PDB file of N, CA and C in Angstrom:
ATOM      1  N   MET A   1      85.819 124.292  85.556  1.00  0.00           N
ATOM      2  CA  MET A   1      87.272 123.538  84.718  1.00  0.00           C
ATOM      3  C   MET A   1      87.114 122.965  86.604  1.00  0.00           C
ATOM      4  N   ALA A   2      87.918 121.313  86.142  1.00  0.00           N
ATOM      5  CA  ALA A   2      87.629 120.185  86.395  1.00  0.00           C
ATOM      6  C   ALA A   2      89.709 119.575  87.044  1.00  0.00           C
ATOM      7  N   LEU A   3      90.231 119.901  88.458  1.00  0.00           N
ATOM      8  CA  LEU A   3      91.493 119.699  89.133  1.00  0.00           C
ATOM      9  C   LEU A   3      91.749 118.368  88.936  1.00  0.00           C
ATOM     10  N   TYR A   4      93.197 118.177  87.861  1.00  0.00           N
ATOM     11  CA  TYR A   4      93.678 117.087  88.061  1.00  0.00           C
ATOM     12  C   TYR A   4      94.959 116.707  88.545  1.00  0.00           C
ATOM     13  N   GLU A   5      96.093 115.871  88.868  1.00  0.00           N
ATOM     14  CA  GLU A   5      97.404 115.106  89.100  1.00  0.00           C
ATOM     15  C   GLU A   5      97.642 114.492  88.069  1.00  0.00           C
ATOM     16  N   HIS A   6      98.505 114.527  87.671  1.00  0.00           N
ATOM     17  CA  HIS A   6      98.853 113.659  85.988  1.00  0.00           C
ATOM     18  C   HIS A   6     100.160 113.648  86.463  1.00  0.00           C
ATOM     19  N   VAL A   7     100.631 112.832  86.383  1.00  0.00           N
ATOM     20  CA  VAL A   7     101.592 111.323  86.708  1.00  0.00           C
ATOM     21  C   VAL A   7     102.400 110.779  85.831  1.00  0.00           C
ATOM     22  N   PHE A   8     104.265 111.488  85.709  1.00  0.00           N
ATOM     23  CA  PHE A   8     104.797 109.869  84.044  1.00  0.00           C
ATOM     24  C   PHE A   8     106.120 109.998  84.528  1.00  0.00           C
ATOM     25  N   LEU A   9     106.282 108.718  83.991  1.00  0.00           N
ATOM     26  CA  LEU A   9     107.224 108.227  84.413  1.00  0.00           C
ATOM     27  C   LEU A   9     108.157 108.570  83.016  1.00  0.00           C
ATOM     28  N   ALA A  10     109.868 108.812  83.166  1.00  0.00           N
ATOM     29  CA  ALA A  10     110.322 108.506  81.800  1.00  0.00           C
ATOM     30  C   ALA A  10     111.680 108.151  82.109  1.00  0.00           C
ATOM     31  N   ARG A  11     112.221 107.824  80.645  1.00  0.00           N
ATOM     32  CA  ARG A  11     113.249 105.991  81.185  1.00  0.00           C
ATOM     33  C   ARG A  11     114.025 107.391  81.479  1.00  0.00           C
ATOM     34  N   GLN A  12     115.373 106.740  82.105  1.00  0.00           N
ATOM     35  CA  GLN A  12     116.072 106.155  82.960  1.00  0.00           C
ATOM     36  C   GLN A  12     117.143 107.045  82.137  1.00  0.00           C
ATOM     37  N   ASP A  13     117.252 106.502  81.151  1.00  0.00           N
ATOM     38  CA  ASP A  13     118.589 107.457  80.411  1.00  0.00           C
ATOM     39  C   ASP A  13     118.742 108.490  79.601  1.00  0.00           C
ATOM     40  N   LEU A  14     117.563 108.765  80.696  1.00  0.00           N
ATOM     41  CA  LEU A  14     117.145 110.528  79.208  1.00  0.00           C
ATOM     42  C   LEU A  14     117.727 111.768  81.142  1.00  0.00           C
ATOM     43  N   ALA A  15     118.353 112.944  80.251  1.00  0.00           N
ATOM     44  CA  ALA A  15     119.108 113.771  81.323  1.00  0.00           C
ATOM     45  C   ALA A  15     118.136 114.431  81.570  1.00  0.00           C
ATOM     46  N   GLN A  16     118.184 115.483  82.490  1.00  0.00           N
ATOM     47  CA  GLN A  16     117.511 115.874  83.572  1.00  0.00           C
ATOM     48  C   GLN A  16     117.086 116.899  82.591  1.00  0.00           C
ATOM     49  N   ALA A  17     117.231 117.530  81.396  1.00  0.00           N
ATOM     50  CA  ALA A  17     116.861 118.306  81.137  1.00  0.00           C
ATOM     51  C   ALA A  17     115.728 118.633  79.601  1.00  0.00           C
ATOM     52  N   GLN A  18     116.002 116.884  79.150  1.00  0.00           N
ATOM     53  CA  GLN A  18     115.163 116.220  78.483  1.00  0.00           C
ATOM     54  C   GLN A  18     114.053 116.001  79.088  1.00  0.00           C
ATOM     55  N   VAL A  19     114.046 115.967  80.389  1.00  0.00           N
ATOM     56  CA  VAL A  19     112.881 115.328  81.782  1.00  0.00           C
ATOM     57  C   VAL A  19     112.155 116.570  81.580  1.00  0.00           C
ATOM     58  N   ASP A  20     112.886 117.838  81.743  1.00  0.00           N
ATOM     59  CA  ASP A  20     112.366 119.151  82.054  1.00  0.00           C
ATOM     60  C   ASP A  20     111.425 119.389  80.816  1.00  0.00           C
ATOM     61  N   ALA A  21     111.674 118.952  79.490  1.00  0.00           N
ATOM     62  CA  ALA A  21     111.778 119.794  78.342  1.00  0.00           C
ATOM     63  C   ALA A  21     109.911 118.722  78.304  1.00  0.00           C
ATOM     64  N   LEU A  22     110.417 117.663  78.919  1.00  0.00           N
ATOM     65  CA  LEU A  22     108.955 116.451  78.863  1.00  0.00           C
ATOM     66  C   LEU A  22     108.067 117.295  79.497  1.00  0.00           C
ATOM     67  N   ALA A  23     108.420 117.851  80.783  1.00  0.00           N
ATOM     68  CA  ALA A  23     106.910 118.660  81.381  1.00  0.00           C
ATOM     69  C   ALA A  23     107.181 119.985  80.946  1.00  0.00           C
ATOM     70  N   GLU A  24     107.095 119.891  80.377  1.00  0.00           N
ATOM     71  CA  GLU A  24     106.963 121.884  79.179  1.00  0.00           C
ATOM     72  C   GLU A  24     106.459 121.992  77.893  1.00  0.00           C
ATOM     73  N   THR A  25     107.021 120.478  77.495  1.00  0.00           N
ATOM     74  CA  THR A  25     105.664 119.496  76.403  1.00  0.00           C
ATOM     75  C   THR A  25     104.586 119.925  77.006  1.00  0.00           C
ATOM     76  N   ALA A  26     104.583 118.851  78.040  1.00  0.00           N
ATOM     77  CA  ALA A  26     102.853 118.722  77.645  1.00  0.00           C
ATOM     78  C   ALA A  26     102.092 119.823  79.235  1.00  0.00           C
ATOM     79  N   THR A  27     102.717 121.318  79.710  1.00  0.00           N
ATOM     80  CA  THR A  27     102.171 121.757  80.877  1.00  0.00           C
ATOM     81  C   THR A  27     101.908 122.918  79.409  1.00  0.00           C
ATOM     82  N   LYS A  28     103.348 122.592  78.272  1.00  0.00           N
ATOM     83  CA  LYS A  28     102.118 123.630  76.421  1.00  0.00           C
ATOM     84  C   LYS A  28     100.929 122.815  76.224  1.00  0.00           C
ATOM     85  N   ILE A  29     100.811 121.821  75.679  1.00  0.00           N
ATOM     86  CA  ILE A  29      99.183 120.930  75.491  1.00  0.00           C
ATOM     87  C   ILE A  29      98.672 121.958  76.248  1.00  0.00           C
ATOM     88  N   VAL A  30      98.804 121.533  78.194  1.00  0.00           N
ATOM     89  CA  VAL A  30      97.055 121.741  78.415  1.00  0.00           C
ATOM     90  C   VAL A  30      97.290 123.000  78.344  1.00  0.00           C
ATOM     91  N   GLU A  31      97.648 124.539  78.603  1.00  0.00           N
ATOM     92  CA  GLU A  31      97.334 125.680  77.938  1.00  0.00           C
ATOM     93  C   GLU A  31      97.508 126.557  76.905  1.00  0.00           C
ATOM     94  N   ASP A  32      97.496 125.429  75.467  1.00  0.00           N
ATOM     95  CA  ASP A  32      97.154 125.570  74.376  1.00  0.00           C
ATOM     96  C   ASP A  32      95.623 125.209  74.823  1.00  0.00           C
ATOM     97  N   ASN A  33      94.973 124.305  74.749  1.00  0.00           N
ATOM     98  CA  ASN A  33      94.185 124.187  75.303  1.00  0.00           C
ATOM     99  C   ASN A  33      92.749 124.627  76.274  1.00  0.00           C
ATOM    100  N   ASN A  34      92.888 125.780  77.358  1.00  0.00           N
ATOM    101  CA  ASN A  34      92.755 126.443  77.386  1.00  0.00           C
ATOM    102  C   ASN A  34      92.535 125.991  79.228  1.00  0.00           C
ATOM    103  N   GLY A  35      93.461 126.038  79.617  1.00  0.00           N
ATOM    104  CA  GLY A  35      93.532 125.116  80.636  1.00  0.00           C
ATOM    105  C   GLY A  35      94.875 125.408  81.574  1.00  0.00           C
ATOM    106  N   LYS A  36      95.820 124.859  82.692  1.00  0.00           N
ATOM    107  CA  LYS A  36      96.717 125.728  83.417  1.00  0.00           C
ATOM    108  C   LYS A  36      97.143 124.165  84.061  1.00  0.00           C
ATOM    109  N   VAL A  37      97.774 124.568  84.219  1.00  0.00           N
ATOM    110  CA  VAL A  37      99.252 124.152  85.210  1.00  0.00           C
ATOM    111  C   VAL A  37      99.476 124.655  86.238  1.00  0.00           C
ATOM    112  N   VAL A  38      99.318 124.210  87.535  1.00  0.00           N
ATOM    113  CA  VAL A  38      99.031 124.691  89.043  1.00  0.00           C
ATOM    114  C   VAL A  38     100.454 124.880  89.507  1.00  0.00           C
ATOM    115  N   LYS A  39     101.083 124.214  89.524  1.00  0.00           N
ATOM    116  CA  LYS A  39     102.749 123.157  89.799  1.00  0.00           C
ATOM    117  C   LYS A  39     103.297 122.049  88.838  1.00  0.00           C
ATOM    118  N   THR A  40     103.809 122.367  89.343  1.00  0.00           N
ATOM    119  CA  THR A  40     104.680 120.852  88.557  1.00  0.00           C
ATOM    120  C   THR A  40     105.644 120.398  89.966  1.00  0.00           C
ATOM    121  N   GLU A  41     106.388 119.303  89.910  1.00  0.00           N
ATOM    122  CA  GLU A  41     107.046 119.065  90.595  1.00  0.00           C
ATOM    123  C   GLU A  41     107.891 118.076  89.805  1.00  0.00           C
ATOM    124  N   THR A  42     109.211 117.842  90.190  1.00  0.00           N
ATOM    125  CA  THR A  42     109.711 116.746  89.620  1.00  0.00           C
ATOM    126  C   THR A  42     110.447 115.823  90.590  1.00  0.00           C
ATOM    127  N   TRP A  43     109.741 114.464  90.507  1.00  0.00           N
ATOM    128  CA  TRP A  43     110.716 113.978  92.198  1.00  0.00           C
ATOM    129  C   TRP A  43     111.705 113.286  92.226  1.00  0.00           C
ATOM    130  N   GLY A  44     112.688 113.151  90.871  1.00  0.00           N
ATOM    131  CA  GLY A  44     113.621 113.211  90.632  1.00  0.00           C
ATOM    132  C   GLY A  44     113.611 111.104  90.209  1.00  0.00           C
ATOM    133  N   LEU A  45     115.244 110.302  89.747  1.00  0.00           N
ATOM    134  CA  LEU A  45     115.757 109.559  89.796  1.00  0.00           C
ATOM    135  C   LEU A  45     114.845 108.813  90.395  1.00  0.00           C
ATOM    136  N   ARG A  46     114.053 107.629  90.775  1.00  0.00           N
ATOM    137  CA  ARG A  46     113.997 106.248  91.436  1.00  0.00           C
ATOM    138  C   ARG A  46     113.981 104.986  90.849  1.00  0.00           C
ATOM    139  N   SER A  47     113.907 104.309  91.356  1.00  0.00           N
ATOM    140  CA  SER A  47     114.119 102.698  91.461  1.00  0.00           C
ATOM    141  C   SER A  47     112.225 102.804  91.188  1.00  0.00           C
ATOM    142  N   LEU A  48     112.554 101.428  90.332  1.00  0.00           N
ATOM    143  CA  LEU A  48     110.124 100.487  90.140  1.00  0.00           C
ATOM    144  C   LEU A  48     110.548  99.367  90.881  1.00  0.00           C
ATOM    145  N   ALA A  49     108.946  99.280  91.271  1.00  0.00           N
ATOM    146  CA  ALA A  49     108.649  97.650  92.272  1.00  0.00           C
ATOM    147  C   ALA A  49     109.115  97.163  91.283  1.00  0.00           C
ATOM    148  N   TYR A  50     109.302  97.421  89.956  1.00  0.00           N
ATOM    149  CA  TYR A  50     109.294  95.968  88.195  1.00  0.00           C
ATOM    150  C   TYR A  50     109.971  96.583  87.416  1.00  0.00           C
ATOM    151  N   ARG A  51     110.854  95.734  86.669  1.00  0.00           N
ATOM    152  CA  ARG A  51     111.142  96.719  85.250  1.00  0.00           C
ATOM    153  C   ARG A  51     110.032  96.658  84.723  1.00  0.00           C
ATOM    154  N   ILE A  52     110.396  98.177  83.422  1.00  0.00           N
ATOM    155  CA  ILE A  52     109.385  98.482  82.828  1.00  0.00           C
ATOM    156  C   ILE A  52     110.170  98.443  82.045  1.00  0.00           C
ATOM    157  N   ALA A  53     110.512  97.369  80.458  1.00  0.00           N
ATOM    158  CA  ALA A  53     110.162  98.366  79.793  1.00  0.00           C
ATOM    159  C   ALA A  53     111.832  98.052  79.072  1.00  0.00           C
ATOM    160  N   LYS A  54     112.023  97.272  79.971  1.00  0.00           N
ATOM    161  CA  LYS A  54     114.012  96.590  79.843  1.00  0.00           C
ATOM    162  C   LYS A  54     114.180  97.875  81.122  1.00  0.00           C
ATOM    163  N   ASN A  55     113.778  98.921  81.733  1.00  0.00           N
ATOM    164  CA  ASN A  55     114.042  99.852  83.420  1.00  0.00           C
ATOM    165  C   ASN A  55     113.481  99.889  84.989  1.00  0.00           C
ATOM    166  N   ARG A  56     114.811  99.277  84.649  1.00  0.00           N
ATOM    167  CA  ARG A  56     114.086  99.757  86.364  1.00  0.00           C
ATOM    168  C   ARG A  56     114.270 100.251  87.401  1.00  0.00           C
ATOM    169  N   LYS A  57     115.214 101.900  86.556  1.00  0.00           N
ATOM    170  CA  LYS A  57     114.558 103.163  87.127  1.00  0.00           C
ATOM    171  C   LYS A  57     113.869 103.735  86.525  1.00  0.00           C
ATOM    172  N   ALA A  58     112.870 105.089  86.605  1.00  0.00           N
ATOM    173  CA  ALA A  58     112.533 105.942  86.189  1.00  0.00           C
ATOM    174  C   ALA A  58     112.843 107.359  86.940  1.00  0.00           C
ATOM    175  N   HIS A  59     112.730 109.061  86.097  1.00  0.00           N
ATOM    176  CA  HIS A  59     112.718 109.979  86.379  1.00  0.00           C
ATOM    177  C   HIS A  59     110.736 110.107  86.267  1.00  0.00           C
ATOM    178  N   TYR A  60     110.590 110.307  87.607  1.00  0.00           N
ATOM    179  CA  TYR A  60     108.623 110.652  88.315  1.00  0.00           C
ATOM    180  C   TYR A  60     109.007 112.438  88.335  1.00  0.00           C
ATOM    181  N   VAL A  61     107.676 112.790  87.383  1.00  0.00           N
ATOM    182  CA  VAL A  61     106.889 114.138  87.188  1.00  0.00           C
ATOM    183  C   VAL A  61     105.868 113.907  88.162  1.00  0.00           C
ATOM    184  N   MET A  62     105.178 115.357  87.976  1.00  0.00           N
ATOM    185  CA  MET A  62     103.843 115.407  88.956  1.00  0.00           C
ATOM    186  C   MET A  62     103.357 116.458  88.357  1.00  0.00           C
ATOM    187  N   LEU A  63     102.386 116.845  87.379  1.00  0.00           N
ATOM    188  CA  LEU A  63     101.809 117.813  87.310  1.00  0.00           C
ATOM    189  C   LEU A  63     100.427 118.128  87.886  1.00  0.00           C
ATOM    190  N   GLU A  64      99.769 118.944  88.504  1.00  0.00           N
ATOM    191  CA  GLU A  64      99.081 119.422  89.263  1.00  0.00           C
ATOM    192  C   GLU A  64      97.727 120.461  88.393  1.00  0.00           C
ATOM    193  N   ILE A  65      96.686 120.514  87.385  1.00  0.00           N
ATOM    194  CA  ILE A  65      96.501 120.013  86.540  1.00  0.00           C
ATOM    195  C   ILE A  65      94.986 121.239  86.611  1.00  0.00           C
ATOM    196  N   ASP A  66      94.638 122.039  86.147  1.00  0.00           N
ATOM    197  CA  ASP A  66      93.032 122.797  86.341  1.00  0.00           C
ATOM    198  C   ASP A  66      92.053 123.543  84.918  1.00  0.00           C
ATOM    199  N   ALA A  67      91.521 121.821  83.819  1.00  0.00           N
ATOM    200  CA  ALA A  67      91.879 122.238  82.627  1.00  0.00           C
ATOM    201  C   ALA A  67      90.349 121.410  83.001  1.00  0.00           C
ATOM    202  N   PRO A  68      89.646 121.480  81.413  1.00  0.00           N
ATOM    203  CA  PRO A  68      88.326 121.080  81.137  1.00  0.00           C
ATOM    204  C   PRO A  68      88.639 119.251  80.786  1.00  0.00           C
ATOM    205  N   ALA A  69      88.471 118.032  81.208  1.00  0.00           N
ATOM    206  CA  ALA A  69      88.616 116.504  80.623  1.00  0.00           C
ATOM    207  C   ALA A  69      88.798 116.451  79.559  1.00  0.00           C
ATOM    208  N   GLY A  70      88.468 117.692  78.609  1.00  0.00           N
ATOM    209  CA  GLY A  70      89.014 117.891  76.572  1.00  0.00           C
ATOM    210  C   GLY A  70      90.581 117.696  76.900  1.00  0.00           C
ATOM    211  N   VAL A  71      91.624 118.296  77.853  1.00  0.00           N
ATOM    212  CA  VAL A  71      92.702 118.565  77.388  1.00  0.00           C
ATOM    213  C   VAL A  71      93.507 117.971  77.924  1.00  0.00           C
ATOM    214  N   VAL A  72      92.574 116.681  78.859  1.00  0.00           N
ATOM    215  CA  VAL A  72      93.082 116.122  79.641  1.00  0.00           C
ATOM    216  C   VAL A  72      93.637 114.165  79.482  1.00  0.00           C
ATOM    217  N   ALA A  73      92.474 114.704  78.497  1.00  0.00           N
ATOM    218  CA  ALA A  73      92.441 113.177  77.218  1.00  0.00           C
ATOM    219  C   ALA A  73      93.551 113.993  76.101  1.00  0.00           C
ATOM    220  N   GLU A  74      93.455 115.370  75.313  1.00  0.00           N
ATOM    221  CA  GLU A  74      94.566 115.348  74.396  1.00  0.00           C
ATOM    222  C   GLU A  74      96.052 115.228  74.870  1.00  0.00           C
ATOM    223  N   LEU A  75      96.554 115.544  76.673  1.00  0.00           N
ATOM    224  CA  LEU A  75      97.559 115.342  77.302  1.00  0.00           C
ATOM    225  C   LEU A  75      97.849 113.992  77.275  1.00  0.00           C
ATOM    226  N   GLU A  76      96.832 113.260  76.878  1.00  0.00           N
ATOM    227  CA  GLU A  76      97.338 111.753  77.389  1.00  0.00           C
ATOM    228  C   GLU A  76      97.502 111.398  76.597  1.00  0.00           C
ATOM    229  N   ARG A  77      96.483 110.884  75.103  1.00  0.00           N
ATOM    230  CA  ARG A  77      96.786 111.187  73.744  1.00  0.00           C
ATOM    231  C   ARG A  77      98.848 111.531  73.229  1.00  0.00           C
ATOM    232  N   GLN A  78      98.809 112.370  73.952  1.00  0.00           N
ATOM    233  CA  GLN A  78      99.427 113.078  73.845  1.00  0.00           C
ATOM    234  C   GLN A  78     100.721 111.562  74.204  1.00  0.00           C
ATOM    235  N   THR A  79     100.888 111.477  75.823  1.00  0.00           N
ATOM    236  CA  THR A  79     102.229 111.014  76.289  1.00  0.00           C
ATOM    237  C   THR A  79     102.270 109.806  76.239  1.00  0.00           C
ATOM    238  N   GLN A  80     101.067 109.277  75.305  1.00  0.00           N
ATOM    239  CA  GLN A  80     100.870 107.765  75.189  1.00  0.00           C
ATOM    240  C   GLN A  80     101.870 107.726  73.631  1.00  0.00           C
ATOM    241  N   ILE A  81     101.726 108.104  72.658  1.00  0.00           N
ATOM    242  CA  ILE A  81     102.515 108.491  71.675  1.00  0.00           C
ATOM    243  C   ILE A  81     104.077 108.234  71.992  1.00  0.00           C
ATOM    244  N   ASN A  82     104.248 109.554  73.168  1.00  0.00           N
ATOM    245  CA  ASN A  82     106.042 109.626  73.273  1.00  0.00           C
ATOM    246  C   ASN A  82     106.652 108.982  73.515  1.00  0.00           C
ATOM    247  N   GLU A  83     108.064 108.197  73.504  1.00  0.00           N
ATOM    248  CA  GLU A  83     109.079 107.230  73.387  1.00  0.00           C
ATOM    249  C   GLU A  83     109.487 106.864  74.633  1.00  0.00           C
ATOM    250  N   ASP A  84     109.438 108.393  75.089  1.00  0.00           N
ATOM    251  CA  ASP A  84     110.262 108.590  76.406  1.00  0.00           C
ATOM    252  C   ASP A  84     109.695 108.560  77.570  1.00  0.00           C
ATOM    253  N   VAL A  85     108.588 108.104  77.307  1.00  0.00           N
ATOM    254  CA  VAL A  85     107.689 108.073  78.581  1.00  0.00           C
ATOM    255  C   VAL A  85     106.882 106.606  78.580  1.00  0.00           C
ATOM    256  N   ILE A  86     108.011 106.073  79.747  1.00  0.00           N
ATOM    257  CA  ILE A  86     107.549 104.191  79.440  1.00  0.00           C
ATOM    258  C   ILE A  86     105.717 103.846  80.556  1.00  0.00           C
ATOM    259  N   ARG A  87     105.555 105.047  81.773  1.00  0.00           N
ATOM    260  CA  ARG A  87     104.037 105.099  82.824  1.00  0.00           C
ATOM    261  C   ARG A  87     103.608 106.388  82.850  1.00  0.00           C
ATOM    262  N   TYR A  88     102.463 106.662  82.657  1.00  0.00           N
ATOM    263  CA  TYR A  88     101.579 108.132  83.079  1.00  0.00           C
ATOM    264  C   TYR A  88     100.125 106.919  83.281  1.00  0.00           C
ATOM    265  N   MET A  89      99.772 108.322  84.783  1.00  0.00           N
ATOM    266  CA  MET A  89      98.632 107.795  84.953  1.00  0.00           C
ATOM    267  C   MET A  89      97.841 109.440  85.964  1.00  0.00           C
ATOM    268  N   THR A  90      96.388 109.680  85.330  1.00  0.00           N
ATOM    269  CA  THR A  90      96.347 110.869  85.866  1.00  0.00           C
ATOM    270  C   THR A  90      95.214 110.821  86.331  1.00  0.00           C
ATOM    271  N   VAL A  91      95.193 111.421  87.299  1.00  0.00           N
ATOM    272  CA  VAL A  91      93.867 111.313  88.552  1.00  0.00           C
ATOM    273  C   VAL A  91      93.203 112.103  88.607  1.00  0.00           C
ATOM    274  N   LYS A  92      91.556 112.155  88.915  1.00  0.00           N
ATOM    275  CA  LYS A  92      90.697 112.878  89.270  1.00  0.00           C
ATOM    276  C   LYS A  92      91.286 113.698  90.439  1.00  0.00           C
ATOM    277  N   VAL A  93      90.467 115.100  90.969  1.00  0.00           N
ATOM    278  CA  VAL A  93      91.044 115.965  92.905  1.00  0.00           C
ATOM    279  C   VAL A  93      89.953 116.526  92.376  1.00  0.00           C
ATOM    280  N   ASP A  94      89.236 116.327  94.519  1.00  0.00           N
ATOM    281  CA  ASP A  94      88.587 117.263  94.936  1.00  0.00           C
ATOM    282  C   ASP A  94      90.043 118.800  94.863  1.00  0.00           C
ATOM    283  N   THR A  95      90.126 118.716  95.781  1.00  0.00           N
ATOM    284  CA  THR A  95      91.698 119.242  95.365  1.00  0.00           C
ATOM    285  C   THR A  95      92.408 119.968  95.586  1.00  0.00           C
ATOM    286  N   LEU A  96      94.082 120.835  94.516  1.00  0.00           N
ATOM    287  CA  LEU A  96      94.806 120.552  95.183  1.00  0.00           C
ATOM    288  C   LEU A  96      96.211 120.715  96.234  1.00  0.00           C
ATOM    289  N   GLU A  97      96.287 119.315  96.513  1.00  0.00           N
ATOM    290  CA  GLU A  97      98.237 120.134  98.019  1.00  0.00           C
ATOM    291  C   GLU A  97      98.311 120.854  98.269  1.00  0.00           C
ATOM    292  N   GLU A  98      98.314 121.913  98.985  1.00  0.00           N
ATOM    293  CA  GLU A  98      99.306 123.252  99.383  1.00  0.00           C
ATOM    294  C   GLU A  98     100.573 123.268  99.458  1.00  0.00           C
ATOM    295  N   GLY A  99     101.301 123.627  98.857  1.00  0.00           N
ATOM    296  CA  GLY A  99     102.782 123.631  99.213  1.00  0.00           C
ATOM    297  C   GLY A  99     103.301 122.645  98.983  1.00  0.00           C
ATOM    298  N   PRO A 100     104.463 121.856  99.369  1.00  0.00           N
ATOM    299  CA  PRO A 100     104.312 119.903  98.514  1.00  0.00           C
ATOM    300  C   PRO A 100     104.746 118.950  99.043  1.00  0.00           C
ATOM    301  N   THR A 101     103.996 118.470  97.403  1.00  0.00           N
ATOM    302  CA  THR A 101     104.084 116.746  97.834  1.00  0.00           C
ATOM    303  C   THR A 101     104.311 115.736  98.937  1.00  0.00           C
ATOM    304  N   VAL A 102     103.502 114.459  99.774  1.00  0.00           N
ATOM    305  CA  VAL A 102     104.042 113.824 100.815  1.00  0.00           C
ATOM    306  C   VAL A 102     105.396 113.444  99.443  1.00  0.00           C
ATOM    307  N   MET A 103     105.794 112.999  98.157  1.00  0.00           N
ATOM    308  CA  MET A 103     106.908 112.889  98.022  1.00  0.00           C
ATOM    309  C   MET A 103     107.715 113.693  97.802  1.00  0.00           C
ATOM    310  N   MET A 104     107.952 115.052  98.067  1.00  0.00           N
ATOM    311  CA  MET A 104     108.951 115.692  98.329  1.00  0.00           C
ATOM    312  C   MET A 104     108.853 116.140  99.458  1.00  0.00           C
ATOM    313  N   ARG A 105     107.978 116.635 100.453  1.00  0.00           N
ATOM    314  CA  ARG A 105     108.035 116.069 101.871  1.00  0.00           C
ATOM    315  C   ARG A 105     108.758 115.274 102.687  1.00  0.00           C
ATOM    316  N   LYS A 106     108.936 113.881 102.444  1.00  0.00           N
ATOM    317  CA  LYS A 106     109.802 112.571 102.591  1.00  0.00           C
ATOM    318  C   LYS A 106     110.459 112.892 102.727  1.00  0.00           C
ATOM    319  N   GLY A 107     110.990 113.378 101.148  1.00  0.00           N
ATOM    320  CA  GLY A 107     112.864 114.110 101.196  1.00  0.00           C
ATOM    321  C   GLY A 107     113.916 114.742 102.275  1.00  0.00           C
ATOM    322  N   ALA A 108     112.675 116.021 102.637  1.00  0.00           N
ATOM    323  CA  ALA A 108     112.725 116.800 103.766  1.00  0.00           C
ATOM    324  C   ALA A 108     112.734 116.532 105.083  1.00  0.00           C
ATOM    325  N   ASP A 109     112.128 116.211 104.914  1.00  0.00           N
ATOM    326  CA  ASP A 109     111.967 114.998 106.396  1.00  0.00           C
ATOM    327  C   ASP A 109     112.845 113.870 107.444  1.00  0.00           C
ATOM    328  N   ARG A 110     113.356 113.085 106.060  1.00  0.00           N
ATOM    329  CA  ARG A 110     114.512 112.145 106.343  1.00  0.00           C
ATOM    330  C   ARG A 110     115.808 112.786 106.516  1.00  0.00           C
ATOM    331  N   GLU A 111     115.811 113.932 105.807  1.00  0.00           N
ATOM    332  CA  GLU A 111     116.994 114.913 106.067  1.00  0.00           C
ATOM    333  C   GLU A 111     116.851 115.839 107.483  1.00  0.00           C
ATOM    334  N   ARG A 112     115.996 116.316 107.736  1.00  0.00           N
ATOM    335  CA  ARG A 112     115.847 116.371 109.313  1.00  0.00           C
ATOM    336  C   ARG A 112     116.027 115.619 110.251  1.00  0.00           C
ATOM    337  N   ARG A 113     115.540 114.285 109.824  1.00  0.00           N
ATOM    338  CA  ARG A 113     115.461 113.410 111.053  1.00  0.00           C
ATOM    339  C   ARG A 113     117.308 112.744 111.829  1.00  0.00           C
ATOM    340  N   GLY A 114     117.504 113.145 110.074  1.00  0.00           N
ATOM    341  CA  GLY A 114     119.131 112.272 110.181  1.00  0.00           C
ATOM    342  C   GLY A 114     119.626 113.540 111.237  1.00  0.00           C
ATOM    343  N   ARG A 115     120.282 115.120 110.734  1.00  0.00           N
ATOM    344  CA  ARG A 115     120.170 116.136 111.209  1.00  0.00           C
ATOM    345  C   ARG A 115     120.436 116.170 112.699  1.00  0.00           C
ATOM    346  N   ARG A 116     119.539 115.836 113.516  1.00  0.00           N
ATOM    347  CA  ARG A 116     118.896 116.061 114.615  1.00  0.00           C
ATOM    348  C   ARG A 116     119.233 114.578 115.281  1.00  0.00           C
ATOM    349  N   ASP A 117     119.240 113.379 114.398  1.00  0.00           N
ATOM    350  CA  ASP A 117     120.699 112.018 114.846  1.00  0.00           C
ATOM    351  C   ASP A 117     121.836 112.651 114.989  1.00  0.00           C
ATOM    352  N   ARG A 118     122.280 113.180 114.004  1.00  0.00           N
ATOM    353  CA  ARG A 118     123.538 113.400 114.368  1.00  0.00           C
ATOM    354  C   ARG A 118     123.462 114.149 115.179  1.00  0.00           C
ATOM    355  N   ASP A 119     123.016 115.182 115.892  1.00  0.00           N
ATOM    356  CA  ASP A 119     123.326 116.813 117.021  1.00  0.00           C
ATOM    357  C   ASP A 119     123.030 115.876 117.922  1.00  0.00           C
ATOM    358  N   ASP A 120     122.511 114.570 117.586  1.00  0.00           N
ATOM    359  CA  ASP A 120     121.306 114.389 119.452  1.00  0.00           C
ATOM    360  C   ASP A 120     122.809 113.271 119.949  1.00  0.00           C
ATOM    361  N   ALA A 121     124.236 112.175 118.536  1.00  0.00           N
ATOM    362  CA  ALA A 121     124.581 111.985 119.172  1.00  0.00           C
ATOM    363  C   ALA A 121     126.031 112.800 120.027  1.00  0.00           C
ATOM    364  N   GLY A 122     126.043 114.338 120.021  1.00  0.00           N
ATOM    365  CA  GLY A 122     127.552 114.810 119.764  1.00  0.00           C
ATOM    366  C   GLY A 122     128.401 114.936 119.335  1.00  0.00           C
ATOM    367  N   PHE A 123     127.608 114.407 117.537  1.00  0.00           N
ATOM    368  CA  PHE A 123     128.140 115.413 116.178  1.00  0.00           C
ATOM    369  C   PHE A 123     128.107 116.406 116.136  1.00  0.00           C
ATOM    370  N   GLY A 124     128.378 117.703 117.065  1.00  0.00           N
ATOM    371  CA  GLY A 124     127.363 118.747 116.774  1.00  0.00           C
ATOM    372  C   GLY A 124     128.562 119.631 116.454  1.00  0.00           C
ATOM    373  N   GLY A 125     130.050 119.253 116.653  1.00  0.00           N
ATOM    374  CA  GLY A 125     130.768 120.128 116.452  1.00  0.00           C
ATOM    375  C   GLY A 125     131.241 120.688 118.015  1.00  0.00           C
ATOM    376  N   GLU A 126     131.682 119.647 118.724  1.00  0.00           N
ATOM    377  CA  GLU A 126     131.874 120.426 119.928  1.00  0.00           C
ATOM    378  C   GLU A 126     133.011 120.640 120.503  1.00  0.00           C
TER     379      GLU A 126
END
């Protein structure tokens, strides 16, 4: 089976529970067609580079999938029909990333850097 990364952008006015339901629906489509979702990451509500269907922000969700090509075609067909999804992209990859993706590490690096900067400045509670 082939490995894929599927990222979709959901409308900004959706609640987090609705975004999670969209990810579960995508997972169910893959699993019903003999595929497997290896990892699901929710990157949160992020600003878009430009407006898409009157949305300035979107909820980003990434699925790492191990499935045959027909499964991806069905997943994209179902995603395209859904009005809550404003954009999606599926990319075939050679290997899946171990651990958190770059998008998840970026926030952790920023937090760690912020703590170190505060501690170096003498605000460590001395």
